[in-house]
């Protein structure tokens, strides 16, 4: 017997600022840098426009955009290998410390 999903995936949903800021509060698993964790959650859970807004809040909170995962990769390293991540990569580069 196949079960029917009760929720549909929503693509392209625009989030308000308060919902975007909530991503800053995600708790990282043990052994994972908290700044990397929230960046990755936002990257995987937001459209590019929302992600750009998130990065403004992330930077304003003095979080580390160069944080790495346990393998030593930054989100920019990872996103740069993804085919459809050009807007995300550009946004990350725009927020790198000068």
Protein backbone atom coordinates (compact mmCIF):
# COMPACT_ATOMS: atom_id res chain seq x y z
CA UNK A 1 0.00 0.00 0.00
CA UNK A 2 1.50 3.34 -1.04
CA UNK A 3 1.14 6.26 1.31
CA UNK A 4 0.27 9.65 -0.06
CA UNK A 5 2.30 12.63 1.13
CA UNK A 6 0.18 15.05 3.11
CA UNK A 7 2.37 18.07 2.32
CA UNK A 8 3.70 19.36 -0.94
CA UNK A 9 7.14 20.85 -1.27
CA UNK A 10 6.94 24.60 -1.72
CA UNK A 11 9.45 25.99 -4.19
CA UNK A 12 10.33 29.65 -4.52
CA UNK A 13 8.61 30.62 -1.27
CA UNK A 14 9.52 34.14 -0.17
CA UNK A 15 10.28 34.28 3.52
CA UNK A 16 9.84 37.36 5.68
CA UNK A 17 12.82 38.78 7.57
CA UNK A 18 11.85 37.20 10.89
CA UNK A 19 11.66 33.74 9.33
CA UNK A 20 15.02 34.29 7.62
CA UNK A 21 16.60 35.38 10.92
CA UNK A 22 15.42 32.13 12.52
CA UNK A 23 18.07 30.30 10.50
CA UNK A 24 20.71 32.04 12.66
CA UNK A 25 19.38 30.11 15.66
CA UNK A 26 19.84 26.56 14.36
CA UNK A 27 21.92 24.51 16.75
CA UNK A 28 24.85 22.69 15.22
CA UNK A 29 25.45 18.99 15.84
CA UNK A 30 28.42 18.14 18.01
CA UNK A 31 31.67 18.60 16.11
CA UNK A 32 30.22 20.99 13.50
CA UNK A 33 31.05 24.71 13.52
CA UNK A 34 27.85 26.60 14.32
CA UNK A 35 28.53 29.29 11.69
CA UNK A 36 29.07 26.70 8.99
CA UNK A 37 25.96 24.83 10.10
CA UNK A 38 23.61 27.82 9.81
CA UNK A 39 25.15 28.84 6.47
CA UNK A 40 24.60 25.36 5.08
CA UNK A 41 21.03 25.19 6.44
CA UNK A 42 20.22 28.52 4.80
CA UNK A 43 21.89 27.51 1.52
CA UNK A 44 19.93 24.26 1.35
CA UNK A 45 16.66 25.71 2.61
CA UNK A 46 16.33 29.05 0.84
CA UNK A 47 15.99 30.43 -2.63
CA UNK A 48 18.82 32.67 -3.79
CA UNK A 49 17.01 35.93 -2.99
CA UNK A 50 16.23 34.84 0.57
CA UNK A 51 19.80 33.55 0.95
CA UNK A 52 21.15 37.00 0.01
CA UNK A 53 18.99 38.56 2.72
CA UNK A 54 20.16 35.90 5.18
CA UNK A 55 23.80 36.77 4.47
CA UNK A 56 23.12 40.40 5.42
CA UNK A 57 21.80 39.28 8.80
CA UNK A 58 24.63 36.74 9.15
CA UNK A 59 27.28 39.41 8.49
CA UNK A 60 25.57 41.94 10.77
CA UNK A 61 25.77 39.35 13.56
CA UNK A 62 29.56 39.15 13.02
CA UNK A 63 29.38 35.48 12.09
CA UNK A 64 32.22 33.77 10.19
CA UNK A 65 31.41 33.34 6.49
CA UNK A 66 34.65 31.36 6.10
CA UNK A 67 33.65 28.76 8.69
CA UNK A 68 34.35 25.19 7.62
CA UNK A 69 32.76 21.79 7.99
CA UNK A 70 34.63 18.94 9.71
CA UNK A 71 36.30 18.16 6.35
CA UNK A 72 37.75 21.68 6.17
CA UNK A 73 35.47 22.96 3.38
CA UNK A 74 33.76 26.34 3.50
CA UNK A 75 30.26 26.75 2.09
CA UNK A 76 31.81 28.69 -0.80
CA UNK A 77 34.04 25.68 -1.56
CA UNK A 78 31.02 23.38 -1.61
CA UNK A 79 28.61 25.66 -3.48
CA UNK A 80 31.26 26.34 -6.13
CA UNK A 81 31.02 22.69 -7.19
CA UNK A 82 27.24 22.80 -7.67
CA UNK A 83 25.91 23.42 -11.19
CA UNK A 84 23.02 25.69 -10.29
CA UNK A 85 24.60 27.68 -7.46
CA UNK A 86 25.95 30.71 -9.34
CA UNK A 87 23.71 33.19 -7.49
CA UNK A 88 24.64 31.66 -4.12
CA UNK A 89 28.35 31.70 -4.94
CA UNK A 90 28.15 35.35 -6.02
CA UNK A 91 26.32 36.25 -2.80
CA UNK A 92 28.91 34.46 -0.66
CA UNK A 93 31.79 36.17 -2.48
CA UNK A 94 30.09 39.53 -2.00
CA UNK A 95 30.11 39.00 1.78
CA UNK A 96 33.72 37.84 2.13
CA UNK A 97 35.82 40.06 4.38
CA UNK A 98 37.79 42.62 2.43
